[in-house]
C-alpha atoms as a PDB file:
ATOM      1  CA  MET A   1      70.228 119.931  83.878  1.00  0.00           C
ATOM      2  CA  PRO A   2      67.427 120.253  80.660  1.00  0.00           C
ATOM      3  CA  GLU A   3      63.691 119.504  81.631  1.00  0.00           C
ATOM      4  CA  GLY A   4      62.913 115.881  81.032  1.00  0.00           C
ATOM      5  CA  LEU A   5      66.302 114.944  81.124  1.00  0.00           C
ATOM      6  CA  THR A   6      66.581 111.759  83.222  1.00  0.00           C
ATOM      7  CA  TYR A   7      69.862 111.841  85.156  1.00  0.00           C
ATOM      8  CA  GLN A   8      71.431 108.713  86.300  1.00  0.00           C
ATOM      9  CA  ASP A   9      74.440 109.092  88.758  1.00  0.00           C
ATOM     10  CA  THR A  10      76.483 106.169  87.711  1.00  0.00           C
ATOM     11  CA  GLY A  11      79.594 107.964  89.279  1.00  0.00           C
ATOM     12  CA  CYS A  12      82.975 106.180  87.962  1.00  0.00           C
ATOM     13  CA  ASP A  13      86.097 104.220  89.064  1.00  0.00           C
ATOM     14  CA  LEU A  14      86.800 106.261  91.772  1.00  0.00           C
ATOM     15  CA  ALA A  15      83.842 106.813  93.769  1.00  0.00           C
ATOM     16  CA  PRO A  16      80.588 104.956  93.097  1.00  0.00           C
ATOM     17  CA  SER A  17      78.185 108.387  92.612  1.00  0.00           C
ATOM     18  CA  CYS A  18      79.044 111.981  91.770  1.00  0.00           C
ATOM     19  CA  LEU A  19      77.069 113.316  94.268  1.00  0.00           C
ATOM     20  CA  ASN A  20      78.901 111.438  97.166  1.00  0.00           C
ATOM     21  CA  CYS A  21      82.291 112.175  95.823  1.00  0.00           C
ATOM     22  CA  PRO A  22      84.996 112.457  97.964  1.00  0.00           C
ATOM     23  CA  PHE A  23      87.061 114.586  95.815  1.00  0.00           C
ATOM     24  CA  PRO A  24      87.246 118.169  95.373  1.00  0.00           C
ATOM     25  CA  SER A  25      87.099 117.796  91.761  1.00  0.00           C
ATOM     26  CA  CYS A  26      85.985 115.474  89.133  1.00  0.00           C
ATOM     27  CA  ARG A  27      88.455 113.342  87.687  1.00  0.00           C
ATOM     28  CA  TYR A  28      87.210 113.946  84.132  1.00  0.00           C
ATOM     29  CA  ASP A  29      87.697 118.043  84.195  1.00  0.00           C
ATOM     30  CA  PHE A  30      91.819 117.589  84.354  1.00  0.00           C
ATOM     31  CA  PRO A  31      93.619 114.866  82.596  1.00  0.00           C
ATOM     32  CA  GLY A  32      96.036 113.078  85.065  1.00  0.00           C
ATOM     33  CA  THR A  33      93.370 113.687  88.001  1.00  0.00           C
ATOM     34  CA  LYS A  34      92.288 109.554  88.279  1.00  0.00           C
ATOM     35  CA  ARG A  35      96.349 108.754  88.820  1.00  0.00           C
ATOM     36  CA  ALA A  36      96.584 111.462  91.379  1.00  0.00           C
ATOM     37  CA  GLY A  37      92.888 110.568  92.946  1.00  0.00           C
ATOM     38  CA  LYS A  38      94.198 107.135  93.281  1.00  0.00           C
ATOM     39  CA  TYR A  39      97.900 108.020  94.692  1.00  0.00           C
ATOM     40  CA  ALA A  40      95.923 109.910  97.401  1.00  0.00           C
ATOM     41  CA  LEU A  41      93.677 107.518  98.360  1.00  0.00           C
ATOM     42  CA  ILE A  42      96.268 105.005  98.530  1.00  0.00           C
ATOM     43  CA  LEU A  43      99.190 107.248 101.055  1.00  0.00           C
ATOM     44  CA  SER A  44      95.417 108.099 102.730  1.00  0.00           C
ATOM     45  CA  ALA A  45      94.948 104.265 103.574  1.00  0.00           C
ATOM     46  CA  ALA A  46      98.758 103.627 104.159  1.00  0.00           C
ATOM     47  CA  ARG A  47      98.751 106.551 106.824  1.00  0.00           C
ATOM     48  CA  GLU A  48      96.195 104.772 108.308  1.00  0.00           C
ATOM     49  CA  VAL A  49      97.633 101.509 108.854  1.00  0.00           C
ATOM     50  CA  VAL A  50     100.748 102.389 108.683  1.00  0.00           C
ATOM     51  CA  ALA A  51     101.346 100.857 112.615  1.00  0.00           C
ATOM     52  CA  THR A  52      99.404  98.172 111.572  1.00  0.00           C
ATOM     53  CA  PRO A  53     100.622  94.208 111.786  1.00  0.00           C
ATOM     54  CA  GLY A  54     100.250  93.171 108.348  1.00  0.00           C
ATOM     55  CA  GLY A  55      98.967  96.545 106.797  1.00  0.00           C
ATOM     56  CA  TYR A  56     100.362  95.438 103.271  1.00  0.00           C
ATOM     57  CA  LYS A  57      97.950  93.223 103.054  1.00  0.00           C
ATOM     58  CA  LEU A  58      95.203  95.810 103.792  1.00  0.00           C
ATOM     59  CA  ILE A  59      96.562  98.004 101.021  1.00  0.00           C
ATOM     60  CA  SER A  60      97.337  95.196  98.371  1.00  0.00           C
ATOM     61  CA  LEU A  61      93.996  93.950  98.411  1.00  0.00           C
ATOM     62  CA  ARG A  62      92.129  97.054  98.992  1.00  0.00           C
ATOM     63  CA  PHE A  63      93.922  98.590  95.766  1.00  0.00           C
ATOM     64  CA  SER A  64      95.232  95.626  94.198  1.00  0.00           C
ATOM     65  CA  ILE A  65      98.585  96.284  93.838  1.00  0.00           C
ATOM     66  CA  GLY A  66     101.342  93.883  94.394  1.00  0.00           C
ATOM     67  CA  LYS A  67     102.755  93.728  97.700  1.00  0.00           C
ATOM     68  CA  ARG A  68     106.308  95.211  97.026  1.00  0.00           C
ATOM     69  CA  ALA A  69     103.826  98.365  96.162  1.00  0.00           C
ATOM     70  CA  ALA A  70     102.236  98.541  99.052  1.00  0.00           C
ATOM     71  CA  PHE A  71     105.465  98.419 101.020  1.00  0.00           C
ATOM     72  CA  ARG A  72     106.127 101.242  99.428  1.00  0.00           C
ATOM     73  CA  TRP A  73     103.420 103.239  99.949  1.00  0.00           C
ATOM     74  CA  LEU A  74     103.807 102.712 103.828  1.00  0.00           C
ATOM     75  CA  ALA A  75     106.964 103.809 103.609  1.00  0.00           C
ATOM     76  CA  LEU A  76     106.236 106.597 102.244  1.00  0.00           C
ATOM     77  CA  ALA A  77     103.321 107.436 104.904  1.00  0.00           C
ATOM     78  CA  ARG A  78     106.256 106.569 107.645  1.00  0.00           C
ATOM     79  CA  SER A  79     108.417 109.040 105.951  1.00  0.00           C
ATOM     80  CA  LEU A  80     105.697 111.654 105.497  1.00  0.00           C
ATOM     81  CA  ASP A  81     104.618 110.957 109.544  1.00  0.00           C
ATOM     82  CA  SER A  82     108.060 111.106 111.166  1.00  0.00           C
ATOM     83  CA  PRO A  83     109.296 113.984 113.131  1.00  0.00           C
ATOM     84  CA  LEU A  84     112.199 114.169 110.728  1.00  0.00           C
ATOM     85  CA  SER A  85     110.182 115.019 107.806  1.00  0.00           C
ATOM     86  CA  THR A  86     108.810 118.103 109.659  1.00  0.00           C
ATOM     87  CA  ILE A  87     112.215 119.617 109.592  1.00  0.00           C
ATOM     88  CA  GLY A  88     113.076 122.696 107.797  1.00  0.00           C
ATOM     89  CA  ARG A  89     109.302 123.229 107.462  1.00  0.00           C
ATOM     90  CA  ASP A  90     106.556 126.294 108.778  1.00  0.00           C
ATOM     91  CA  PRO A  91     104.706 125.120 111.475  1.00  0.00           C
END
């Protein structure tokens, strides 16, 4: 960074700070990373609350998505975490 330049770490809509960003690459580096990053966050959160009663409410409120979308994310999380989803995969 050039000398005399003041840097303000304002982050983006996915992370409040660039220096503390949870993603391995910046959303501005590659086209489409904003959507992929958001989807990864939603799926991760859905996996955490998949067994929680009313988990769909937590997902829909946290990510500002509808009830049906939250149920779809929870269904996807369930299917990825089920023992049947590992059939045919290398250990």
